[in-house]
Amino acid sequence: MPAPFQTRRVYRAVSDGLSGETDFIAEETAVALVYNGISHVVLMATPQDLDVLALGFSLSEGILSSPAELYGLETVETCDGIEIQMEIASARFQNLKQRRRNLAGRTGCGLCGIDSLAAAKPRVSPLARSQTIKAADVRAALAELGSRQPIRNQTGASHSAAWVENGKIAAAFEDIGRHNALDKLIGYGAKNGLDWAQGFALVSSRASYEMAAKAAAVGIGCLAAVSAPTALAVRLAEDADMTLIGFANPQRFTVYSGEEWVEAV
């Protein structure tokens, strides 16, 4: 398996010429998700935690409704990239074939291959909510996030997605793609029984509609992003009764939906 980042000799422009030094560069690998022998999507991803990426993508995209429908998973390296070969329940595979989606995924693009405008707008139902989010917990998690991003700290080229409970980061994953980072977190949570009602997801990116849709699809009640949301993401969060937070930093943040679930202290 390739390392998540590589070293390379680079030359920096300084006042008196070029200065040679060693730099760290994030790796980007083509990862094909193969269901019952049929390749469904190719993601450009950071080559680590690929098992939870595959499971998380399958759940957040509605290919699977539970981890129990994934019967087996094998990672195979090829000369062109990495294949994640999955065996899934036959009923789910039939549903997958009927969707007629042939995605060509890339960093920052979640709609490639959608074959109709109707398919681009997800349907969400109101989430079951029971626990409020403390502003102090959001601030504490943001203060911790930097130390949980080793690839970004080395390369400056990755996003992260973290799960926070009681102000502490319980799990964090990185990837060059923000969608991939969130899917890795979702897959890990599904495998390890995280209770999506007991905390919130924190992402180092903007909150696009797809990030909100992925969170809503698995029952995450609060999504906090360090950058801005889109208007469509806000509308989707309102439909799902999801708390959506943007422009989050350790000093302040903005609540765009679900403010009744946020304690100001």
C-alpha atoms as a PDB file:
ATOM      1  CA  MET A   1       0.000   0.000   0.000  1.00  0.00           C
ATOM      2  CA  PRO A   2       1.442   3.425  -0.907  1.00  0.00           C
ATOM      3  CA  ALA A   3       2.353   5.747   1.957  1.00  0.00           C
ATOM      4  CA  PRO A   4      -0.084   8.651   2.545  1.00  0.00           C
ATOM      5  CA  PHE A   5       2.650  11.144   1.633  1.00  0.00           C
ATOM      6  CA  GLN A   6       5.993  11.152  -0.139  1.00  0.00           C
ATOM      7  CA  THR A   7       9.195  13.180   0.146  1.00  0.00           C
ATOM      8  CA  ARG A   8      10.622  15.129  -2.774  1.00  0.00           C
ATOM      9  CA  ARG A   9      13.453  17.533  -3.438  1.00  0.00           C
ATOM     10  CA  VAL A  10      11.983  20.968  -4.194  1.00  0.00           C
ATOM     11  CA  TYR A  11      13.382  24.437  -4.825  1.00  0.00           C
ATOM     12  CA  ARG A  12      11.952  27.490  -3.128  1.00  0.00           C
ATOM     13  CA  ALA A  13      12.277  30.932  -4.639  1.00  0.00           C
ATOM     14  CA  VAL A  14      14.031  33.266  -2.189  1.00  0.00           C
ATOM     15  CA  SER A  15      15.425  36.770  -2.560  1.00  0.00           C
ATOM     16  CA  ASP A  16      18.788  35.607  -3.895  1.00  0.00           C
ATOM     17  CA  GLY A  17      17.707  32.641  -6.060  1.00  0.00           C
ATOM     18  CA  LEU A  18      16.443  29.069  -5.569  1.00  0.00           C
ATOM     19  CA  SER A  19      16.971  27.198  -2.318  1.00  0.00           C
ATOM     20  CA  GLY A  20      16.843  23.381  -2.440  1.00  0.00           C
ATOM     21  CA  GLU A  21      15.217  21.440   0.377  1.00  0.00           C
ATOM     22  CA  THR A  22      13.127  18.330   1.107  1.00  0.00           C
ATOM     23  CA  ASP A  23       9.344  18.688   1.111  1.00  0.00           C
ATOM     24  CA  PHE A  24       6.433  16.385   1.922  1.00  0.00           C
ATOM     25  CA  ILE A  25       3.755  15.825  -0.735  1.00  0.00           C
ATOM     26  CA  ALA A  26       0.388  14.162  -0.143  1.00  0.00           C
ATOM     27  CA  GLU A  27      -0.194  10.977  -2.127  1.00  0.00           C
ATOM     28  CA  GLU A  28      -3.239  10.690  -4.401  1.00  0.00           C
ATOM     29  CA  THR A  29      -4.333   7.257  -5.593  1.00  0.00           C
ATOM     30  CA  ALA A  30      -7.151   5.962  -7.784  1.00  0.00           C
ATOM     31  CA  VAL A  31      -9.366   3.708  -5.653  1.00  0.00           C
ATOM     32  CA  ALA A  32     -12.028   1.625  -7.411  1.00  0.00           C
ATOM     33  CA  LEU A  33     -14.967   0.370  -5.362  1.00  0.00           C
ATOM     34  CA  VAL A  34     -16.071  -2.956  -6.810  1.00  0.00           C
ATOM     35  CA  TYR A  35     -19.377  -4.547  -5.765  1.00  0.00           C
ATOM     36  CA  ASN A  36     -19.939  -8.232  -6.503  1.00  0.00           C
ATOM     37  CA  GLY A  37     -17.385  -8.066  -9.289  1.00  0.00           C
ATOM     38  CA  ILE A  38     -18.712  -4.871 -10.905  1.00  0.00           C
ATOM     39  CA  SER A  39     -16.684  -1.654 -10.633  1.00  0.00           C
ATOM     40  CA  HIS A  40     -19.061   1.113  -9.578  1.00  0.00           C
ATOM     41  CA  VAL A  41     -16.965   4.196  -8.803  1.00  0.00           C
ATOM     42  CA  VAL A  42     -13.379   5.402  -8.870  1.00  0.00           C
ATOM     43  CA  LEU A  43     -12.358   7.808  -6.125  1.00  0.00           C
ATOM     44  CA  MET A  44      -9.157   9.797  -5.968  1.00  0.00           C
ATOM     45  CA  ALA A  45      -8.138   9.292  -2.364  1.00  0.00           C
ATOM     46  CA  THR A  46      -5.382   9.171   0.201  1.00  0.00           C
ATOM     47  CA  PRO A  47      -4.295   5.499   0.353  1.00  0.00           C
ATOM     48  CA  GLN A  48      -4.984   4.758   4.003  1.00  0.00           C
ATOM     49  CA  ASP A  49      -8.058   3.581   5.956  1.00  0.00           C
ATOM     50  CA  LEU A  50      -9.543   2.345   2.693  1.00  0.00           C
ATOM     51  CA  ASP A  51     -11.697  -0.336   4.329  1.00  0.00           C
ATOM     52  CA  VAL A  52     -13.652   2.243   6.306  1.00  0.00           C
ATOM     53  CA  LEU A  53     -13.735   4.553   3.263  1.00  0.00           C
ATOM     54  CA  ALA A  54     -15.428   1.801   1.251  1.00  0.00           C
ATOM     55  CA  LEU A  55     -17.928   1.003   3.998  1.00  0.00           C
ATOM     56  CA  GLY A  56     -18.657   4.649   4.736  1.00  0.00           C
ATOM     57  CA  PHE A  57     -19.197   5.485   1.059  1.00  0.00           C
ATOM     58  CA  SER A  58     -21.505   2.476   0.705  1.00  0.00           C
ATOM     59  CA  LEU A  59     -23.607   3.611   3.667  1.00  0.00           C
ATOM     60  CA  SER A  60     -23.663   7.355   2.970  1.00  0.00           C
ATOM     61  CA  GLU A  61     -24.576   6.770  -0.690  1.00  0.00           C
ATOM     62  CA  GLY A  62     -27.370   4.343   0.230  1.00  0.00           C
ATOM     63  CA  ILE A  63     -25.760   1.359  -1.469  1.00  0.00           C
ATOM     64  CA  LEU A  64     -25.928  -0.451   1.868  1.00  0.00           C
ATOM     65  CA  SER A  65     -28.397   0.215   4.674  1.00  0.00           C
ATOM     66  CA  SER A  66     -26.283  -1.442   7.373  1.00  0.00           C
ATOM     67  CA  PRO A  67     -22.769  -2.872   7.794  1.00  0.00           C
ATOM     68  CA  ALA A  68     -24.299  -6.357   8.042  1.00  0.00           C
ATOM     69  CA  GLU A  69     -25.040  -6.217   4.297  1.00  0.00           C
ATOM     70  CA  LEU A  70     -21.309  -6.166   3.558  1.00  0.00           C
ATOM     71  CA  TYR A  71     -20.281  -9.828   3.541  1.00  0.00           C
ATOM     72  CA  GLY A  72     -16.619  -9.460   2.633  1.00  0.00           C
ATOM     73  CA  LEU A  73     -13.986  -6.903   1.640  1.00  0.00           C
ATOM     74  CA  GLU A  74     -10.572  -7.336   0.032  1.00  0.00           C
ATOM     75  CA  THR A  75      -8.018  -4.704  -0.968  1.00  0.00           C
ATOM     76  CA  VAL A  76      -6.111  -5.455  -4.189  1.00  0.00           C
ATOM     77  CA  GLU A  77      -3.256  -3.307  -5.502  1.00  0.00           C
ATOM     78  CA  THR A  78      -2.929  -3.067  -9.286  1.00  0.00           C
ATOM     79  CA  CYS A  79      -0.582  -1.197 -11.594  1.00  0.00           C
ATOM     80  CA  ASP A  80      -3.275   1.461 -12.060  1.00  0.00           C
ATOM     81  CA  GLY A  81      -4.318   1.933  -8.450  1.00  0.00           C
ATOM     82  CA  ILE A  82      -6.200   0.050  -5.748  1.00  0.00           C
ATOM     83  CA  GLU A  83      -9.377  -2.014  -5.972  1.00  0.00           C
ATOM     84  CA  ILE A  84     -11.641  -2.514  -2.957  1.00  0.00           C
ATOM     85  CA  GLN A  85     -13.524  -5.676  -3.840  1.00  0.00           C
ATOM     86  CA  MET A  86     -16.706  -6.062  -1.814  1.00  0.00           C
ATOM     87  CA  GLU A  87     -19.293  -8.797  -1.618  1.00  0.00           C
ATOM     88  CA  ILE A  88     -22.679  -7.371  -0.688  1.00  0.00           C
ATOM     89  CA  ALA A  89     -26.177  -8.738  -0.169  1.00  0.00           C
ATOM     90  CA  SER A  90     -27.823  -9.705  -3.450  1.00  0.00           C
ATOM     91  CA  ALA A  91     -30.854  -7.464  -2.872  1.00  0.00           C
ATOM     92  CA  ARG A  92     -28.618  -4.437  -2.357  1.00  0.00           C
ATOM     93  CA  PHE A  93     -26.611  -5.307  -5.466  1.00  0.00           C
ATOM     94  CA  GLN A  94     -29.796  -5.466  -7.522  1.00  0.00           C
ATOM     95  CA  ASN A  95     -30.776  -2.043  -6.226  1.00  0.00           C
ATOM     96  CA  LEU A  96     -27.325  -0.740  -7.105  1.00  0.00           C
ATOM     97  CA  LYS A  97     -27.602  -1.963 -10.687  1.00  0.00           C
ATOM     98  CA  GLN A  98     -31.020  -0.349 -11.045  1.00  0.00           C
ATOM     99  CA  ARG A  99     -29.663   3.036 -10.056  1.00  0.00           C
ATOM    100  CA  ARG A 100     -27.555   3.036 -13.265  1.00  0.00           C
ATOM    101  CA  ARG A 101     -24.915   5.244 -11.746  1.00  0.00           C
ATOM    102  CA  ASN A 102     -21.493   5.192 -13.313  1.00  0.00           C
ATOM    103  CA  LEU A 103     -19.529   7.682 -11.247  1.00  0.00           C
ATOM    104  CA  ALA A 104     -16.068   8.951 -12.067  1.00  0.00           C
ATOM    105  CA  GLY A 105     -15.159  10.431  -8.690  1.00  0.00           C
ATOM    106  CA  ARG A 106     -12.558  13.096  -8.166  1.00  0.00           C
ATOM    107  CA  THR A 107     -11.412  15.311  -5.352  1.00  0.00           C
ATOM    108  CA  GLY A 108     -14.111  17.885  -4.620  1.00  0.00           C
ATOM    109  CA  CYS A 109     -16.728  16.463  -6.992  1.00  0.00           C
ATOM    110  CA  GLY A 110     -19.572  14.361  -5.686  1.00  0.00           C
ATOM    111  CA  LEU A 111     -22.030  14.435  -8.587  1.00  0.00           C
ATOM    112  CA  CYS A 112     -19.988  13.091 -11.489  1.00  0.00           C
ATOM    113  CA  GLY A 113     -22.082  10.549 -13.354  1.00  0.00           C
ATOM    114  CA  ILE A 114     -25.478  11.409 -11.852  1.00  0.00           C
ATOM    115  CA  ASP A 115     -27.833  10.843 -14.761  1.00  0.00           C
ATOM    116  CA  SER A 116     -30.733  13.198 -13.888  1.00  0.00           C
ATOM    117  CA  LEU A 117     -31.395  16.437 -12.031  1.00  0.00           C
ATOM    118  CA  ALA A 118     -33.814  14.627  -9.717  1.00  0.00           C
ATOM    119  CA  ALA A 119     -31.042  12.259  -8.637  1.00  0.00           C
ATOM    120  CA  ALA A 120     -28.897  15.212  -7.612  1.00  0.00           C
ATOM    121  CA  LYS A 121     -31.274  16.256  -4.812  1.00  0.00           C
ATOM    122  CA  PRO A 122     -31.298  13.781  -1.921  1.00  0.00           C
ATOM    123  CA  ARG A 123     -34.430  13.074   0.069  1.00  0.00           C
ATOM    124  CA  VAL A 124     -33.930  13.356   3.805  1.00  0.00           C
ATOM    125  CA  SER A 125     -36.186  12.683   6.753  1.00  0.00           C
ATOM    126  CA  PRO A 126     -36.076  14.480  10.105  1.00  0.00           C
ATOM    127  CA  LEU A 127     -33.437  12.982  12.358  1.00  0.00           C
ATOM    128  CA  ALA A 128     -34.141  11.658  15.839  1.00  0.00           C
ATOM    129  CA  ARG A 129     -32.554  14.184  18.208  1.00  0.00           C
ATOM    130  CA  SER A 130     -32.149  13.966  21.978  1.00  0.00           C
ATOM    131  CA  GLN A 131     -28.887  15.654  22.951  1.00  0.00           C
ATOM    132  CA  THR A 132     -27.877  19.294  22.752  1.00  0.00           C
ATOM    133  CA  ILE A 133     -24.461  20.494  21.584  1.00  0.00           C
ATOM    134  CA  LYS A 134     -22.460  22.656  23.971  1.00  0.00           C
ATOM    135  CA  ALA A 135     -20.632  25.594  22.446  1.00  0.00           C
ATOM    136  CA  ALA A 136     -17.732  24.902  24.796  1.00  0.00           C
ATOM    137  CA  ASP A 137     -17.413  21.387  23.357  1.00  0.00           C
ATOM    138  CA  VAL A 138     -17.245  22.766  19.812  1.00  0.00           C
ATOM    139  CA  ARG A 139     -14.507  25.194  20.823  1.00  0.00           C
ATOM    140  CA  ALA A 140     -12.545  22.493  22.663  1.00  0.00           C
ATOM    141  CA  ALA A 141     -12.688  20.102  19.699  1.00  0.00           C
ATOM    142  CA  LEU A 142     -11.537  22.815  17.307  1.00  0.00           C
ATOM    143  CA  ALA A 143      -8.567  23.538  19.543  1.00  0.00           C
ATOM    144  CA  GLU A 144      -7.652  19.829  19.426  1.00  0.00           C
ATOM    145  CA  LEU A 145      -8.237  19.289  15.697  1.00  0.00           C
ATOM    146  CA  GLY A 146      -4.851  20.533  14.522  1.00  0.00           C
ATOM    147  CA  SER A 147      -3.002  17.892  16.513  1.00  0.00           C
ATOM    148  CA  ARG A 148      -5.151  15.164  14.913  1.00  0.00           C
ATOM    149  CA  GLN A 149      -4.133  16.034  11.326  1.00  0.00           C
ATOM    150  CA  PRO A 150      -0.621  14.601  10.797  1.00  0.00           C
ATOM    151  CA  ILE A 151      -0.887  14.466   6.984  1.00  0.00           C
ATOM    152  CA  ARG A 152      -2.063  18.061   6.769  1.00  0.00           C
ATOM    153  CA  ASN A 153       0.642  19.155   9.163  1.00  0.00           C
ATOM    154  CA  GLN A 154       3.272  17.552   6.915  1.00  0.00           C
ATOM    155  CA  THR A 155       1.857  18.418   3.504  1.00  0.00           C
ATOM    156  CA  GLY A 156      -0.863  21.066   3.840  1.00  0.00           C
ATOM    157  CA  ALA A 157      -2.954  19.056   1.378  1.00  0.00           C
ATOM    158  CA  SER A 158      -5.546  17.029   3.251  1.00  0.00           C
ATOM    159  CA  HIS A 159      -8.944  17.439   4.870  1.00  0.00           C
ATOM    160  CA  SER A 160     -10.054  15.801   8.082  1.00  0.00           C
ATOM    161  CA  ALA A 161     -13.299  14.591   9.612  1.00  0.00           C
ATOM    162  CA  ALA A 162     -13.569  13.938  13.336  1.00  0.00           C
ATOM    163  CA  TRP A 163     -16.180  12.586  15.726  1.00  0.00           C
ATOM    164  CA  VAL A 164     -16.536  14.527  18.957  1.00  0.00           C
ATOM    165  CA  GLU A 165     -18.119  13.439  22.218  1.00  0.00           C
ATOM    166  CA  ASN A 166     -18.101  15.634  25.338  1.00  0.00           C
ATOM    167  CA  GLY A 167     -15.641  18.028  23.745  1.00  0.00           C
ATOM    168  CA  LYS A 168     -13.070  15.309  22.986  1.00  0.00           C
ATOM    169  CA  ILE A 169     -12.203  13.933  19.562  1.00  0.00           C
ATOM    170  CA  ALA A 170     -12.988  10.215  19.690  1.00  0.00           C
ATOM    171  CA  ALA A 171     -11.867   9.448  16.112  1.00  0.00           C
ATOM    172  CA  ALA A 172     -10.364  11.417  13.230  1.00  0.00           C
ATOM    173  CA  PHE A 173      -9.547  10.599   9.602  1.00  0.00           C
ATOM    174  CA  GLU A 174      -7.741  12.449   6.834  1.00  0.00           C
ATOM    175  CA  ASP A 175      -7.962  12.414   3.056  1.00  0.00           C
ATOM    176  CA  ILE A 176      -7.204  14.686   0.124  1.00  0.00           C
ATOM    177  CA  GLY A 177     -10.965  14.712  -0.513  1.00  0.00           C
ATOM    178  CA  ARG A 178     -13.336  16.145   2.075  1.00  0.00           C
ATOM    179  CA  HIS A 179     -16.057  13.676   1.082  1.00  0.00           C
ATOM    180  CA  ASN A 180     -13.625  10.795   1.489  1.00  0.00           C
ATOM    181  CA  ALA A 181     -12.569  11.964   4.948  1.00  0.00           C
ATOM    182  CA  LEU A 182     -16.197  12.047   6.082  1.00  0.00           C
ATOM    183  CA  ASP A 183     -16.896   8.640   4.536  1.00  0.00           C
ATOM    184  CA  LYS A 184     -13.899   7.208   6.404  1.00  0.00           C
ATOM    185  CA  LEU A 185     -15.347   8.532   9.647  1.00  0.00           C
ATOM    186  CA  ILE A 186     -18.792   7.133   8.794  1.00  0.00           C
ATOM    187  CA  GLY A 187     -17.318   3.719   7.972  1.00  0.00           C
ATOM    188  CA  TYR A 188     -15.306   3.663  11.193  1.00  0.00           C
ATOM    189  CA  GLY A 189     -18.352   4.643  13.204  1.00  0.00           C
ATOM    190  CA  ALA A 190     -20.454   1.907  11.622  1.00  0.00           C
ATOM    191  CA  LYS A 191     -17.795  -0.741  12.328  1.00  0.00           C
ATOM    192  CA  ASN A 192     -17.235   0.374  15.901  1.00  0.00           C
ATOM    193  CA  GLY A 193     -20.749   1.220  16.991  1.00  0.00           C
ATOM    194  CA  LEU A 194     -20.431   4.975  17.445  1.00  0.00           C
ATOM    195  CA  ASP A 195     -23.710   6.518  18.589  1.00  0.00           C
ATOM    196  CA  TRP A 196     -24.374   9.361  16.148  1.00  0.00           C
ATOM    197  CA  ALA A 197     -26.828  10.871  18.668  1.00  0.00           C
ATOM    198  CA  GLN A 198     -24.144  11.404  21.314  1.00  0.00           C
ATOM    199  CA  GLY A 199     -21.886  13.991  19.685  1.00  0.00           C
ATOM    200  CA  PHE A 200     -21.145  15.812  16.460  1.00  0.00           C
ATOM    201  CA  ALA A 201     -19.020  15.546  13.333  1.00  0.00           C
ATOM    202  CA  LEU A 202     -16.333  18.164  12.759  1.00  0.00           C
ATOM    203  CA  VAL A 203     -14.875  18.684   9.275  1.00  0.00           C
ATOM    204  CA  SER A 204     -11.960  20.856   8.174  1.00  0.00           C
ATOM    205  CA  SER A 205     -13.674  21.898   4.948  1.00  0.00           C
ATOM    206  CA  ARG A 206     -16.668  23.856   3.782  1.00  0.00           C
ATOM    207  CA  ALA A 207     -20.096  22.304   4.345  1.00  0.00           C
ATOM    208  CA  SER A 208     -21.371  21.494   0.866  1.00  0.00           C
ATOM    209  CA  TYR A 209     -24.812  19.992   0.357  1.00  0.00           C
ATOM    210  CA  GLU A 210     -23.229  16.557  -0.143  1.00  0.00           C
ATOM    211  CA  MET A 211     -21.379  16.726   3.168  1.00  0.00           C
ATOM    212  CA  ALA A 212     -24.669  17.535   4.878  1.00  0.00           C
ATOM    213  CA  ALA A 213     -26.453  14.796   2.919  1.00  0.00           C
ATOM    214  CA  LYS A 214     -23.870  12.163   3.883  1.00  0.00           C
ATOM    215  CA  ALA A 215     -24.174  13.127   7.542  1.00  0.00           C
ATOM    216  CA  ALA A 216     -27.974  13.073   7.435  1.00  0.00           C
ATOM    217  CA  ALA A 217     -28.012   9.714   5.632  1.00  0.00           C
ATOM    218  CA  VAL A 218     -26.404   7.930   8.590  1.00  0.00           C
ATOM    219  CA  GLY A 219     -28.132   9.890  11.371  1.00  0.00           C
ATOM    220  CA  ILE A 220     -25.488  12.455  12.381  1.00  0.00           C
ATOM    221  CA  GLY A 221     -27.455  15.216  14.086  1.00  0.00           C
ATOM    222  CA  CYS A 222     -24.825  17.952  14.035  1.00  0.00           C
ATOM    223  CA  LEU A 223     -22.202  18.824  11.444  1.00  0.00           C
ATOM    224  CA  ALA A 224     -19.649  21.533  12.221  1.00  0.00           C
ATOM    225  CA  ALA A 225     -17.376  22.890   9.475  1.00  0.00           C
ATOM    226  CA  VAL A 226     -14.432  25.253   9.698  1.00  0.00           C
ATOM    227  CA  SER A 227     -15.477  26.992   6.476  1.00  0.00           C
ATOM    228  CA  ALA A 228     -18.765  28.172   4.981  1.00  0.00           C
ATOM    229  CA  PRO A 229     -21.870  26.146   4.166  1.00  0.00           C
ATOM    230  CA  THR A 230     -23.775  26.467   0.929  1.00  0.00           C
ATOM    231  CA  ALA A 231     -27.387  27.623   0.851  1.00  0.00           C
ATOM    232  CA  LEU A 232     -28.486  24.196  -0.384  1.00  0.00           C
ATOM    233  CA  ALA A 233     -26.666  22.538   2.520  1.00  0.00           C
ATOM    234  CA  VAL A 234     -28.517  24.819   4.942  1.00  0.00           C
ATOM    235  CA  ARG A 235     -31.887  23.965   3.389  1.00  0.00           C
ATOM    236  CA  LEU A 236     -31.083  20.267   3.519  1.00  0.00           C
ATOM    237  CA  ALA A 237     -30.033  20.564   7.169  1.00  0.00           C
ATOM    238  CA  GLU A 238     -33.304  22.319   7.974  1.00  0.00           C
ATOM    239  CA  ASP A 239     -35.278  19.537   6.270  1.00  0.00           C
ATOM    240  CA  ALA A 240     -33.354  16.933   8.296  1.00  0.00           C
ATOM    241  CA  ASP A 241     -33.597  18.836  11.617  1.00  0.00           C
ATOM    242  CA  MET A 242     -29.796  18.819  11.608  1.00  0.00           C
ATOM    243  CA  THR A 243     -27.674  21.396  13.384  1.00  0.00           C
ATOM    244  CA  LEU A 244     -25.310  22.909  10.820  1.00  0.00           C
ATOM    245  CA  ILE A 245     -22.391  25.011  12.040  1.00  0.00           C
ATOM    246  CA  GLY A 246     -20.001  26.944   9.803  1.00  0.00           C
ATOM    247  CA  PHE A 247     -16.985  29.231  10.108  1.00  0.00           C
ATOM    248  CA  ALA A 248     -16.043  27.344  13.253  1.00  0.00           C
ATOM    249  CA  ASN A 249     -12.886  28.285  15.103  1.00  0.00           C
ATOM    250  CA  PRO A 250     -11.865  28.046  18.769  1.00  0.00           C
ATOM    251  CA  GLN A 251     -13.187  31.564  19.448  1.00  0.00           C
ATOM    252  CA  ARG A 252     -16.521  31.644  17.614  1.00  0.00           C
ATOM    253  CA  PHE A 253     -18.789  29.892  15.117  1.00  0.00           C
ATOM    254  CA  THR A 254     -22.030  30.482  13.223  1.00  0.00           C
ATOM    255  CA  VAL A 255     -25.126  28.281  13.567  1.00  0.00           C
ATOM    256  CA  TYR A 256     -27.082  28.096  10.294  1.00  0.00           C
ATOM    257  CA  SER A 257     -29.784  25.597  11.286  1.00  0.00           C
ATOM    258  CA  GLY A 258     -30.912  23.736  14.370  1.00  0.00           C
ATOM    259  CA  GLU A 259     -29.901  26.506  16.745  1.00  0.00           C
ATOM    260  CA  GLU A 260     -32.362  25.195  19.349  1.00  0.00           C
ATOM    261  CA  TRP A 261     -30.006  22.246  19.875  1.00  0.00           C
ATOM    262  CA  VAL A 262     -26.998  24.433  20.735  1.00  0.00           C
ATOM    263  CA  GLU A 263     -26.196  25.508  24.290  1.00  0.00           C
ATOM    264  CA  ALA A 264     -24.423  28.859  24.222  1.00  0.00           C
ATOM    265  CA  VAL A 265     -22.081  28.039  27.113  1.00  0.00           C
END
